[in-house]
Amino acid sequence: MSKKAKILWTTDNKETAMHMVCLYAHNAILKGWMNEVEVLVWGASQRLIAEDAEVRAKVEAMIKDGVKIIACLKCADSMDITTPLQSCGIDVFYTGELLSSWIQSGESIVSV
């Protein structure tokens, strides 16, 4: 059985970000619940990371501990936040094909 978590994070709700997405994704790696955790940050969640210091610090800590965080380049460019996202260590690129591959894989995707 695969021990991968794939999370699609689109909400800009800080409480949900901190108490669900970040909490679970980080603990899944730290506690060994999952071998791999990938978080695809798309849309409003990107602005939350770029503009909120607490959320940004949490994302940076997650990346340091092995959570792979990816952001949509189209969204980031449209919101003029590509550089702040990249400076956090987030991999920013066009993600439509990535999300399509996630869906086609048949693996579970948590969407928040």
PDB file of N, CA and C in Angstrom:
ATOM      1  N   MET A   1       0.840  -1.190   0.000  1.00  0.00           N
ATOM      2  CA  MET A   1       0.000   0.000   0.000  1.00  0.00           C
ATOM      3  C   MET A   1       0.881   1.248   0.000  1.00  0.00           C
ATOM      4  N   SER A   2       0.497   2.203  -0.811  1.00  0.00           N
ATOM      5  CA  SER A   2       1.254   3.438  -0.942  1.00  0.00           C
ATOM      6  C   SER A   2       1.167   4.278   0.331  1.00  0.00           C
ATOM      7  N   LYS A   3       2.296   4.838   0.725  1.00  0.00           N
ATOM      8  CA  LYS A   3       2.307   5.730   1.884  1.00  0.00           C
ATOM      9  C   LYS A   3       2.634   7.139   1.411  1.00  0.00           C
ATOM     10  N   LYS A   4       1.788   7.620   0.475  1.00  0.00           N
ATOM     11  CA  LYS A   4       1.929   8.957  -0.081  1.00  0.00           C
ATOM     12  C   LYS A   4       0.665   9.734   0.219  1.00  0.00           C
ATOM     13  N   ALA A   5       0.843  10.986   0.587  1.00  0.00           N
ATOM     14  CA  ALA A   5      -0.312  11.873   0.753  1.00  0.00           C
ATOM     15  C   ALA A   5      -0.214  12.965  -0.291  1.00  0.00           C
ATOM     16  N   LYS A   6      -1.311  13.186  -0.986  1.00  0.00           N
ATOM     17  CA  LYS A   6      -1.400  14.249  -1.980  1.00  0.00           C
ATOM     18  C   LYS A   6      -2.511  15.200  -1.528  1.00  0.00           C
ATOM     19  N   ILE A   7      -2.133  16.446  -1.328  1.00  0.00           N
ATOM     20  CA  ILE A   7      -3.076  17.435  -0.814  1.00  0.00           C
ATOM     21  C   ILE A   7      -3.173  18.589  -1.792  1.00  0.00           C
ATOM     22  N   LEU A   8      -4.382  18.909  -2.214  1.00  0.00           N
ATOM     23  CA  LEU A   8      -4.659  20.074  -3.045  1.00  0.00           C
ATOM     24  C   LEU A   8      -5.189  21.159  -2.122  1.00  0.00           C
ATOM     25  N   TRP A   9      -4.406  22.218  -1.928  1.00  0.00           N
ATOM     26  CA  TRP A   9      -4.742  23.296  -0.989  1.00  0.00           C
ATOM     27  C   TRP A   9      -5.125  24.535  -1.785  1.00  0.00           C
ATOM     28  N   THR A  10      -6.395  24.920  -1.700  1.00  0.00           N
ATOM     29  CA  THR A  10      -6.884  26.083  -2.441  1.00  0.00           C
ATOM     30  C   THR A  10      -7.475  27.168  -1.547  1.00  0.00           C
ATOM     31  N   THR A  11      -7.788  26.855  -0.308  1.00  0.00           N
ATOM     32  CA  THR A  11      -8.460  27.820   0.552  1.00  0.00           C
ATOM     33  C   THR A  11      -7.496  28.871   1.091  1.00  0.00           C
ATOM     34  N   ASP A  12      -8.021  30.081   1.266  1.00  0.00           N
ATOM     35  CA  ASP A  12      -7.238  31.133   1.912  1.00  0.00           C
ATOM     36  C   ASP A  12      -7.648  31.303   3.374  1.00  0.00           C
ATOM     37  N   ASN A  13      -8.429  30.357   3.889  1.00  0.00           N
ATOM     38  CA  ASN A  13      -8.843  30.413   5.278  1.00  0.00           C
ATOM     39  C   ASN A  13      -7.656  30.007   6.153  1.00  0.00           C
ATOM     40  N   LYS A  14      -7.159  30.946   6.953  1.00  0.00           N
ATOM     41  CA  LYS A  14      -5.958  30.707   7.748  1.00  0.00           C
ATOM     42  C   LYS A  14      -6.161  29.592   8.771  1.00  0.00           C
ATOM     43  N   GLU A  15      -7.296  29.556   9.419  1.00  0.00           N
ATOM     44  CA  GLU A  15      -7.528  28.516  10.420  1.00  0.00           C
ATOM     45  C   GLU A  15      -7.481  27.128   9.791  1.00  0.00           C
ATOM     46  N   THR A  16      -8.110  26.983   8.642  1.00  0.00           N
ATOM     47  CA  THR A  16      -8.080  25.698   7.944  1.00  0.00           C
ATOM     48  C   THR A  16      -6.659  25.378   7.491  1.00  0.00           C
ATOM     49  N   ALA A  17      -5.957  26.378   7.004  1.00  0.00           N
ATOM     50  CA  ALA A  17      -4.577  26.170   6.562  1.00  0.00           C
ATOM     51  C   ALA A  17      -3.697  25.689   7.709  1.00  0.00           C
ATOM     52  N   MET A  18      -3.767  26.376   8.830  1.00  0.00           N
ATOM     53  CA  MET A  18      -2.888  26.056   9.960  1.00  0.00           C
ATOM     54  C   MET A  18      -3.315  24.794  10.703  1.00  0.00           C
ATOM     55  N   HIS A  19      -4.629  24.592  10.865  1.00  0.00           N
ATOM     56  CA  HIS A  19      -5.124  23.514  11.717  1.00  0.00           C
ATOM     57  C   HIS A  19      -5.560  22.266  10.959  1.00  0.00           C
ATOM     58  N   MET A  20      -5.443  22.285   9.632  1.00  0.00           N
ATOM     59  CA  MET A  20      -5.709  21.068   8.861  1.00  0.00           C
ATOM     60  C   MET A  20      -4.555  20.806   7.918  1.00  0.00           C
ATOM     61  N   VAL A  21      -4.407  21.653   6.884  1.00  0.00           N
ATOM     62  CA  VAL A  21      -3.415  21.391   5.848  1.00  0.00           C
ATOM     63  C   VAL A  21      -2.009  21.285   6.444  1.00  0.00           C
ATOM     64  N   CYS A  22      -1.556  22.336   7.096  1.00  0.00           N
ATOM     65  CA  CYS A  22      -0.193  22.352   7.623  1.00  0.00           C
ATOM     66  C   CYS A  22      -0.012  21.360   8.764  1.00  0.00           C
ATOM     67  N   LEU A  23      -0.977  21.283   9.641  1.00  0.00           N
ATOM     68  CA  LEU A  23      -0.879  20.369  10.777  1.00  0.00           C
ATOM     69  C   LEU A  23      -0.756  18.923  10.299  1.00  0.00           C
ATOM     70  N   TYR A  24      -1.658  18.514   9.424  1.00  0.00           N
ATOM     71  CA  TYR A  24      -1.618  17.132   8.954  1.00  0.00           C
ATOM     72  C   TYR A  24      -0.379  16.861   8.098  1.00  0.00           C
ATOM     73  N   ALA A  25      -0.133  17.705   7.115  1.00  0.00           N
ATOM     74  CA  ALA A  25       0.978  17.459   6.198  1.00  0.00           C
ATOM     75  C   ALA A  25       2.300  17.360   6.949  1.00  0.00           C
ATOM     76  N   HIS A  26       2.513  18.263   7.894  1.00  0.00           N
ATOM     77  CA  HIS A  26       3.761  18.266   8.638  1.00  0.00           C
ATOM     78  C   HIS A  26       3.869  17.039   9.540  1.00  0.00           C
ATOM     79  N   ASN A  27       2.828  16.740  10.281  1.00  0.00           N
ATOM     80  CA  ASN A  27       2.853  15.583  11.174  1.00  0.00           C
ATOM     81  C   ASN A  27       2.933  14.260  10.424  1.00  0.00           C
ATOM     82  N   ALA A  28       2.348  14.201   9.237  1.00  0.00           N
ATOM     83  CA  ALA A  28       2.406  12.958   8.454  1.00  0.00           C
ATOM     84  C   ALA A  28       3.850  12.589   8.141  1.00  0.00           C
ATOM     85  N   ILE A  29       4.687  13.594   7.887  1.00  0.00           N
ATOM     86  CA  ILE A  29       6.114  13.351   7.653  1.00  0.00           C
ATOM     87  C   ILE A  29       6.847  13.126   8.972  1.00  0.00           C
ATOM     88  N   LEU A  30       6.655  14.034   9.926  1.00  0.00           N
ATOM     89  CA  LEU A  30       7.406  13.962  11.180  1.00  0.00           C
ATOM     90  C   LEU A  30       7.139  12.686  11.957  1.00  0.00           C
ATOM     91  N   LYS A  31       5.900  12.218  11.948  1.00  0.00           N
ATOM     92  CA  LYS A  31       5.522  11.038  12.731  1.00  0.00           C
ATOM     93  C   LYS A  31       5.582   9.738  11.926  1.00  0.00           C
ATOM     94  N   GLY A  32       5.957   9.857  10.642  1.00  0.00           N
ATOM     95  CA  GLY A  32       6.106   8.668   9.811  1.00  0.00           C
ATOM     96  C   GLY A  32       4.805   8.037   9.355  1.00  0.00           C
ATOM     97  N   TRP A  33       3.715   8.783   9.411  1.00  0.00           N
ATOM     98  CA  TRP A  33       2.445   8.244   8.928  1.00  0.00           C
ATOM     99  C   TRP A  33       2.495   8.023   7.419  1.00  0.00           C
ATOM    100  N   MET A  34       3.254   8.882   6.753  1.00  0.00           N
ATOM    101  CA  MET A  34       3.433   8.813   5.309  1.00  0.00           C
ATOM    102  C   MET A  34       4.918   8.928   4.996  1.00  0.00           C
ATOM    103  N   ASN A  35       5.327   8.276   3.916  1.00  0.00           N
ATOM    104  CA  ASN A  35       6.710   8.402   3.462  1.00  0.00           C
ATOM    105  C   ASN A  35       6.907   9.662   2.628  1.00  0.00           C
ATOM    106  N   GLU A  36       5.868  10.047   1.918  1.00  0.00           N
ATOM    107  CA  GLU A  36       5.919  11.230   1.069  1.00  0.00           C
ATOM    108  C   GLU A  36       4.651  12.045   1.261  1.00  0.00           C
ATOM    109  N   VAL A  37       4.810  13.351   1.312  1.00  0.00           N
ATOM    110  CA  VAL A  37       3.665  14.260   1.352  1.00  0.00           C
ATOM    111  C   VAL A  37       3.919  15.347   0.318  1.00  0.00           C
ATOM    112  N   GLU A  38       2.979  15.485  -0.606  1.00  0.00           N
ATOM    113  CA  GLU A  38       3.029  16.535  -1.615  1.00  0.00           C
ATOM    114  C   GLU A  38       1.820  17.432  -1.418  1.00  0.00           C
ATOM    115  N   VAL A  39       2.058  18.737  -1.395  1.00  0.00           N
ATOM    116  CA  VAL A  39       0.980  19.704  -1.272  1.00  0.00           C
ATOM    117  C   VAL A  39       1.022  20.592  -2.506  1.00  0.00           C
ATOM    118  N   LEU A  40      -0.068  20.592  -3.257  1.00  0.00           N
ATOM    119  CA  LEU A  40      -0.209  21.468  -4.414  1.00  0.00           C
ATOM    120  C   LEU A  40      -1.006  22.683  -3.976  1.00  0.00           C
ATOM    121  N   VAL A  41      -0.347  23.834  -3.993  1.00  0.00           N
ATOM    122  CA  VAL A  41      -0.948  25.091  -3.554  1.00  0.00           C
ATOM    123  C   VAL A  41      -1.447  25.808  -4.800  1.00  0.00           C
ATOM    124  N   TRP A  42      -2.749  26.104  -4.800  1.00  0.00           N
ATOM    125  CA  TRP A  42      -3.342  26.645  -6.017  1.00  0.00           C
ATOM    126  C   TRP A  42      -4.315  27.760  -5.647  1.00  0.00           C
ATOM    127  N   GLY A  43      -4.205  28.885  -6.312  1.00  0.00           N
ATOM    128  CA  GLY A  43      -5.162  29.970  -6.137  1.00  0.00           C
ATOM    129  C   GLY A  43      -4.967  30.753  -4.853  1.00  0.00           C
ATOM    130  N   ALA A  44      -6.074  30.966  -4.145  1.00  0.00           N
ATOM    131  CA  ALA A  44      -6.090  31.854  -2.972  1.00  0.00           C
ATOM    132  C   ALA A  44      -5.103  31.447  -1.885  1.00  0.00           C
ATOM    133  N   SER A  45      -4.826  30.166  -1.761  1.00  0.00           N
ATOM    134  CA  SER A  45      -3.874  29.705  -0.748  1.00  0.00           C
ATOM    135  C   SER A  45      -2.476  30.254  -1.011  1.00  0.00           C
ATOM    136  N   GLN A  46      -2.165  30.498  -2.271  1.00  0.00           N
ATOM    137  CA  GLN A  46      -0.858  31.058  -2.615  1.00  0.00           C
ATOM    138  C   GLN A  46      -0.703  32.467  -2.044  1.00  0.00           C
ATOM    139  N   ARG A  47      -1.748  33.251  -2.163  1.00  0.00           N
ATOM    140  CA  ARG A  47      -1.692  34.611  -1.620  1.00  0.00           C
ATOM    141  C   ARG A  47      -1.558  34.572  -0.095  1.00  0.00           C
ATOM    142  N   LEU A  48      -2.250  33.632   0.554  1.00  0.00           N
ATOM    143  CA  LEU A  48      -2.148  33.486   2.006  1.00  0.00           C
ATOM    144  C   LEU A  48      -0.699  33.231   2.413  1.00  0.00           C
ATOM    145  N   ILE A  49      -0.026  32.341   1.718  1.00  0.00           N
ATOM    146  CA  ILE A  49       1.376  32.042   2.026  1.00  0.00           C
ATOM    147  C   ILE A  49       2.248  33.267   1.787  1.00  0.00           C
ATOM    148  N   ALA A  50       2.028  33.941   0.686  1.00  0.00           N
ATOM    149  CA  ALA A  50       2.858  35.091   0.324  1.00  0.00           C
ATOM    150  C   ALA A  50       2.689  36.260   1.285  1.00  0.00           C
ATOM    151  N   GLU A  51       1.487  36.417   1.852  1.00  0.00           N
ATOM    152  CA  GLU A  51       1.190  37.618   2.632  1.00  0.00           C
ATOM    153  C   GLU A  51       1.130  37.416   4.144  1.00  0.00           C
ATOM    154  N   ASP A  52       1.037  36.190   4.621  1.00  0.00           N
ATOM    155  CA  ASP A  52       0.901  35.946   6.053  1.00  0.00           C
ATOM    156  C   ASP A  52       2.189  35.330   6.605  1.00  0.00           C
ATOM    157  N   ALA A  53       2.888  36.052   7.441  1.00  0.00           N
ATOM    158  CA  ALA A  53       4.196  35.618   7.952  1.00  0.00           C
ATOM    159  C   ALA A  53       4.116  34.306   8.724  1.00  0.00           C
ATOM    160  N   GLU A  54       3.059  34.118   9.507  1.00  0.00           N
ATOM    161  CA  GLU A  54       2.932  32.882  10.296  1.00  0.00           C
ATOM    162  C   GLU A  54       2.744  31.667   9.389  1.00  0.00           C
ATOM    163  N   VAL A  55       1.880  31.807   8.393  1.00  0.00           N
ATOM    164  CA  VAL A  55       1.642  30.706   7.457  1.00  0.00           C
ATOM    165  C   VAL A  55       2.920  30.434   6.658  1.00  0.00           C
ATOM    166  N   ARG A  56       3.558  31.483   6.207  1.00  0.00           N
ATOM    167  CA  ARG A  56       4.800  31.332   5.446  1.00  0.00           C
ATOM    168  C   ARG A  56       5.873  30.600   6.264  1.00  0.00           C
ATOM    169  N   ALA A  57       6.022  30.965   7.530  1.00  0.00           N
ATOM    170  CA  ALA A  57       7.004  30.309   8.395  1.00  0.00           C
ATOM    171  C   ALA A  57       6.682  28.822   8.552  1.00  0.00           C
ATOM    172  N   LYS A  58       5.413  28.499   8.685  1.00  0.00           N
ATOM    173  CA  LYS A  58       5.008  27.095   8.814  1.00  0.00           C
ATOM    174  C   LYS A  58       5.325  26.325   7.537  1.00  0.00           C
ATOM    175  N   VAL A  59       5.044  26.938   6.387  1.00  0.00           N
ATOM    176  CA  VAL A  59       5.343  26.300   5.106  1.00  0.00           C
ATOM    177  C   VAL A  59       6.846  26.064   4.969  1.00  0.00           C
ATOM    178  N   GLU A  60       7.648  27.037   5.345  1.00  0.00           N
ATOM    179  CA  GLU A  60       9.103  26.887   5.283  1.00  0.00           C
ATOM    180  C   GLU A  60       9.581  25.744   6.183  1.00  0.00           C
ATOM    181  N   ALA A  61       8.999  25.622   7.372  1.00  0.00           N
ATOM    182  CA  ALA A  61       9.354  24.530   8.288  1.00  0.00           C
ATOM    183  C   ALA A  61       8.962  23.181   7.700  1.00  0.00           C
ATOM    184  N   MET A  62       7.805  23.122   7.076  1.00  0.00           N
ATOM    185  CA  MET A  62       7.357  21.875   6.454  1.00  0.00           C
ATOM    186  C   MET A  62       8.316  21.443   5.352  1.00  0.00           C
ATOM    187  N   ILE A  63       8.719  22.398   4.515  1.00  0.00           N
ATOM    188  CA  ILE A  63       9.646  22.091   3.424  1.00  0.00           C
ATOM    189  C   ILE A  63      10.971  21.590   3.994  1.00  0.00           C
ATOM    190  N   LYS A  64      11.458  22.256   5.023  1.00  0.00           N
ATOM    191  CA  LYS A  64      12.716  21.862   5.664  1.00  0.00           C
ATOM    192  C   LYS A  64      12.646  20.417   6.166  1.00  0.00           C
ATOM    193  N   ASP A  65      11.466  20.004   6.628  1.00  0.00           N
ATOM    194  CA  ASP A  65      11.297  18.663   7.178  1.00  0.00           C
ATOM    195  C   ASP A  65      10.891  17.611   6.141  1.00  0.00           C
ATOM    196  N   GLY A  66      10.796  18.006   4.865  1.00  0.00           N
ATOM    197  CA  GLY A  66      10.578  17.020   3.815  1.00  0.00           C
ATOM    198  C   GLY A  66       9.240  17.021   3.116  1.00  0.00           C
ATOM    199  N   VAL A  67       8.354  17.936   3.459  1.00  0.00           N
ATOM    200  CA  VAL A  67       7.088  18.042   2.726  1.00  0.00           C
ATOM    201  C   VAL A  67       7.381  18.762   1.410  1.00  0.00           C
ATOM    202  N   LYS A  68       6.936  18.181   0.318  1.00  0.00           N
ATOM    203  CA  LYS A  68       7.130  18.803  -0.997  1.00  0.00           C
ATOM    204  C   LYS A  68       5.950  19.733  -1.254  1.00  0.00           C
ATOM    205  N   ILE A  69       6.253  21.005  -1.467  1.00  0.00           N
ATOM    206  CA  ILE A  69       5.193  21.981  -1.716  1.00  0.00           C
ATOM    207  C   ILE A  69       5.409  22.598  -3.089  1.00  0.00           C
ATOM    208  N   ILE A  70       4.351  22.578  -3.871  1.00  0.00           N
ATOM    209  CA  ILE A  70       4.363  23.019  -5.253  1.00  0.00           C
ATOM    210  C   ILE A  70       3.273  24.076  -5.409  1.00  0.00           C
ATOM    211  N   ALA A  71       3.547  25.109  -6.189  1.00  0.00           N
ATOM    212  CA  ALA A  71       2.536  26.146  -6.443  1.00  0.00           C
ATOM    213  C   ALA A  71       2.359  26.341  -7.940  1.00  0.00           C
ATOM    214  N   CYS A  72       1.172  26.722  -8.311  1.00  0.00           N
ATOM    215  CA  CYS A  72       0.818  26.980  -9.704  1.00  0.00           C
ATOM    216  C   CYS A  72       1.439  28.298 -10.177  1.00  0.00           C
ATOM    217  N   LEU A  73       2.264  28.219 -11.209  1.00  0.00           N
ATOM    218  CA  LEU A  73       2.921  29.402 -11.750  1.00  0.00           C
ATOM    219  C   LEU A  73       1.925  30.375 -12.375  1.00  0.00           C
ATOM    220  N   LYS A  74       0.929  29.881 -13.067  1.00  0.00           N
ATOM    221  CA  LYS A  74      -0.072  30.755 -13.696  1.00  0.00           C
ATOM    222  C   LYS A  74      -0.766  31.612 -12.639  1.00  0.00           C
ATOM    223  N   CYS A  75      -1.194  30.977 -11.551  1.00  0.00           N
ATOM    224  CA  CYS A  75      -1.848  31.719 -10.465  1.00  0.00           C
ATOM    225  C   CYS A  75      -0.876  32.706  -9.830  1.00  0.00           C
ATOM    226  N   ALA A  76       0.331  32.248  -9.552  1.00  0.00           N
ATOM    227  CA  ALA A  76       1.321  33.099  -8.893  1.00  0.00           C
ATOM    228  C   ALA A  76       1.643  34.324  -9.752  1.00  0.00           C
ATOM    229  N   ASP A  77       1.854  34.103 -11.042  1.00  0.00           N
ATOM    230  CA  ASP A  77       2.126  35.235 -11.935  1.00  0.00           C
ATOM    231  C   ASP A  77       0.940  36.185 -11.999  1.00  0.00           C
ATOM    232  N   SER A  78      -0.269  35.642 -12.058  1.00  0.00           N
ATOM    233  CA  SER A  78      -1.475  36.476 -12.123  1.00  0.00           C
ATOM    234  C   SER A  78      -1.636  37.350 -10.884  1.00  0.00           C
ATOM    235  N   MET A  79      -1.189  36.842  -9.734  1.00  0.00           N
ATOM    236  CA  MET A  79      -1.294  37.586  -8.474  1.00  0.00           C
ATOM    237  C   MET A  79      -0.010  38.337  -8.133  1.00  0.00           C
ATOM    238  N   ASP A  80       0.994  38.226  -9.005  1.00  0.00           N
ATOM    239  CA  ASP A  80       2.290  38.881  -8.818  1.00  0.00           C
ATOM    240  C   ASP A  80       2.958  38.460  -7.504  1.00  0.00           C
ATOM    241  N   ILE A  81       2.953  37.158  -7.241  1.00  0.00           N
ATOM    242  CA  ILE A  81       3.551  36.633  -6.000  1.00  0.00           C
ATOM    243  C   ILE A  81       4.520  35.475  -6.253  1.00  0.00           C
ATOM    244  N   THR A  82       4.983  35.336  -7.472  1.00  0.00           N
ATOM    245  CA  THR A  82       5.885  34.232  -7.800  1.00  0.00           C
ATOM    246  C   THR A  82       7.164  34.280  -6.967  1.00  0.00           C
ATOM    247  N   THR A  83       7.799  35.442  -6.908  1.00  0.00           N
ATOM    248  CA  THR A  83       9.059  35.568  -6.176  1.00  0.00           C
ATOM    249  C   THR A  83       8.903  35.269  -4.685  1.00  0.00           C
ATOM    250  N   PRO A  84       7.884  35.822  -4.006  1.00  0.00           N
ATOM    251  CA  PRO A  84       7.731  35.474  -2.581  1.00  0.00           C
ATOM    252  C   PRO A  84       7.524  33.980  -2.352  1.00  0.00           C
ATOM    253  N   LEU A  85       6.811  33.316  -3.232  1.00  0.00           N
ATOM    254  CA  LEU A  85       6.605  31.872  -3.076  1.00  0.00           C
ATOM    255  C   LEU A  85       7.909  31.108  -3.281  1.00  0.00           C
ATOM    256  N   GLN A  86       8.650  31.475  -4.310  1.00  0.00           N
ATOM    257  CA  GLN A  86       9.929  30.812  -4.561  1.00  0.00           C
ATOM    258  C   GLN A  86      10.913  31.047  -3.423  1.00  0.00           C
ATOM    259  N   SER A  87      10.868  32.227  -2.818  1.00  0.00           N
ATOM    260  CA  SER A  87      11.805  32.529  -1.731  1.00  0.00           C
ATOM    261  C   SER A  87      11.524  31.695  -0.481  1.00  0.00           C
ATOM    262  N   CYS A  88      10.341  31.122  -0.396  1.00  0.00           N
ATOM    263  CA  CYS A  88      10.001  30.213   0.714  1.00  0.00           C
ATOM    264  C   CYS A  88      10.519  28.803   0.473  1.00  0.00           C
ATOM    265  N   GLY A  89      10.973  28.530  -0.728  1.00  0.00           N
ATOM    266  CA  GLY A  89      11.405  27.182  -1.070  1.00  0.00           C
ATOM    267  C   GLY A  89      10.351  26.378  -1.808  1.00  0.00           C
ATOM    268  N   ILE A  90       9.267  27.037  -2.174  1.00  0.00           N
ATOM    269  CA  ILE A  90       8.190  26.372  -2.908  1.00  0.00           C
ATOM    270  C   ILE A  90       8.604  26.228  -4.369  1.00  0.00           C
ATOM    271  N   ASP A  91       8.347  25.064  -4.941  1.00  0.00           N
ATOM    272  CA  ASP A  91       8.607  24.804  -6.354  1.00  0.00           C
ATOM    273  C   ASP A  91       7.420  25.363  -7.133  1.00  0.00           C
ATOM    274  N   VAL A  92       7.656  26.380  -7.957  1.00  0.00           N
ATOM    275  CA  VAL A  92       6.579  27.063  -8.676  1.00  0.00           C
ATOM    276  C   VAL A  92       6.700  26.751 -10.170  1.00  0.00           C
ATOM    277  N   PHE A  93       5.669  26.111 -10.712  1.00  0.00           N
ATOM    278  CA  PHE A  93       5.638  25.807 -12.150  1.00  0.00           C
ATOM    279  C   PHE A  93       4.186  25.600 -12.576  1.00  0.00           C
ATOM    280  N   TYR A  94       3.962  25.476 -13.893  1.00  0.00           N
ATOM    281  CA  TYR A  94       2.609  25.231 -14.384  1.00  0.00           C
ATOM    282  C   TYR A  94       2.175  23.845 -13.923  1.00  0.00           C
ATOM    283  N   THR A  95       1.049  23.772 -13.228  1.00  0.00           N
ATOM    284  CA  THR A  95       0.692  22.540 -12.519  1.00  0.00           C
ATOM    285  C   THR A  95      -0.535  21.805 -13.050  1.00  0.00           C
ATOM    286  N   GLY A  96      -1.092  22.254 -14.141  1.00  0.00           N
ATOM    287  CA  GLY A  96      -2.257  21.564 -14.696  1.00  0.00           C
ATOM    288  C   GLY A  96      -1.965  20.109 -15.031  1.00  0.00           C
ATOM    289  N   GLU A  97      -0.823  19.866 -15.627  1.00  0.00           N
ATOM    290  CA  GLU A  97      -0.441  18.499 -15.980  1.00  0.00           C
ATOM    291  C   GLU A  97      -0.196  17.655 -14.730  1.00  0.00           C
ATOM    292  N   LEU A  98       0.424  18.265 -13.704  1.00  0.00           N
ATOM    293  CA  LEU A  98       0.653  17.542 -12.448  1.00  0.00           C
ATOM    294  C   LEU A  98      -0.668  17.119 -11.814  1.00  0.00           C
ATOM    295  N   LEU A  99      -1.606  18.061 -11.687  1.00  0.00           N
ATOM    296  CA  LEU A  99      -2.895  17.719 -11.093  1.00  0.00           C
ATOM    297  C   LEU A  99      -3.602  16.657 -11.920  1.00  0.00           C
ATOM    298  N   SER A 100      -3.518  16.755 -13.237  1.00  0.00           N
ATOM    299  CA  SER A 100      -4.131  15.730 -14.100  1.00  0.00           C
ATOM    300  C   SER A 100      -3.520  14.358 -13.839  1.00  0.00           C
ATOM    301  N   SER A 101      -2.194  14.321 -13.654  1.00  0.00           N
ATOM    302  CA  SER A 101      -1.556  13.024 -13.379  1.00  0.00           C
ATOM    303  C   SER A 101      -1.980  12.483 -12.021  1.00  0.00           C
ATOM    304  N   TRP A 102      -2.147  13.386 -11.036  1.00  0.00           N
ATOM    305  CA  TRP A 102      -2.654  12.944  -9.735  1.00  0.00           C
ATOM    306  C   TRP A 102      -4.018  12.283  -9.890  1.00  0.00           C
ATOM    307  N   ILE A 103      -4.902  12.943 -10.616  1.00  0.00           N
ATOM    308  CA  ILE A 103      -6.264  12.428 -10.806  1.00  0.00           C
ATOM    309  C   ILE A 103      -6.227  11.088 -11.542  1.00  0.00           C
ATOM    310  N   GLN A 104      -5.435  11.009 -12.598  1.00  0.00           N
ATOM    311  CA  GLN A 104      -5.362   9.793 -13.402  1.00  0.00           C
ATOM    312  C   GLN A 104      -4.713   8.627 -12.649  1.00  0.00           C
ATOM    313  N   SER A 105      -3.922   8.921 -11.634  1.00  0.00           N
ATOM    314  CA  SER A 105      -3.243   7.852 -10.892  1.00  0.00           C
ATOM    315  C   SER A 105      -4.213   6.998 -10.082  1.00  0.00           C
ATOM    316  N   GLY A 106      -5.372   7.554  -9.774  1.00  0.00           N
ATOM    317  CA  GLY A 106      -6.335   6.819  -8.966  1.00  0.00           C
ATOM    318  C   GLY A 106      -6.037   6.873  -7.473  1.00  0.00           C
ATOM    319  N   GLU A 107      -4.926   7.505  -7.090  1.00  0.00           N
ATOM    320  CA  GLU A 107      -4.610   7.642  -5.678  1.00  0.00           C
ATOM    321  C   GLU A 107      -5.519   8.699  -5.060  1.00  0.00           C
ATOM    322  N   SER A 108      -5.673   8.617  -3.773  1.00  0.00           N
ATOM    323  CA  SER A 108      -6.527   9.574  -3.064  1.00  0.00           C
ATOM    324  C   SER A 108      -5.876  10.953  -3.034  1.00  0.00           C
ATOM    325  N   ILE A 109      -6.704  11.967  -3.157  1.00  0.00           N
ATOM    326  CA  ILE A 109      -6.267  13.351  -3.069  1.00  0.00           C
ATOM    327  C   ILE A 109      -7.136  14.027  -2.025  1.00  0.00           C
ATOM    328  N   VAL A 110      -6.505  14.648  -1.046  1.00  0.00           N
ATOM    329  CA  VAL A 110      -7.237  15.447  -0.055  1.00  0.00           C
ATOM    330  C   VAL A 110      -7.323  16.843  -0.639  1.00  0.00           C
ATOM    331  N   SER A 111      -8.514  17.390  -0.708  1.00  0.00           N
ATOM    332  CA  SER A 111      -8.703  18.727  -1.278  1.00  0.00           C
ATOM    333  C   SER A 111      -9.298  19.652  -0.223  1.00  0.00           C
ATOM    334  N   VAL A 112      -8.581  20.750   0.020  1.00  0.00           N
ATOM    335  CA  VAL A 112      -9.012  21.711   1.043  1.00  0.00           C
ATOM    336  C   VAL A 112      -8.974  23.097   0.446  1.00  0.00           C
TER     337      VAL A 112
END
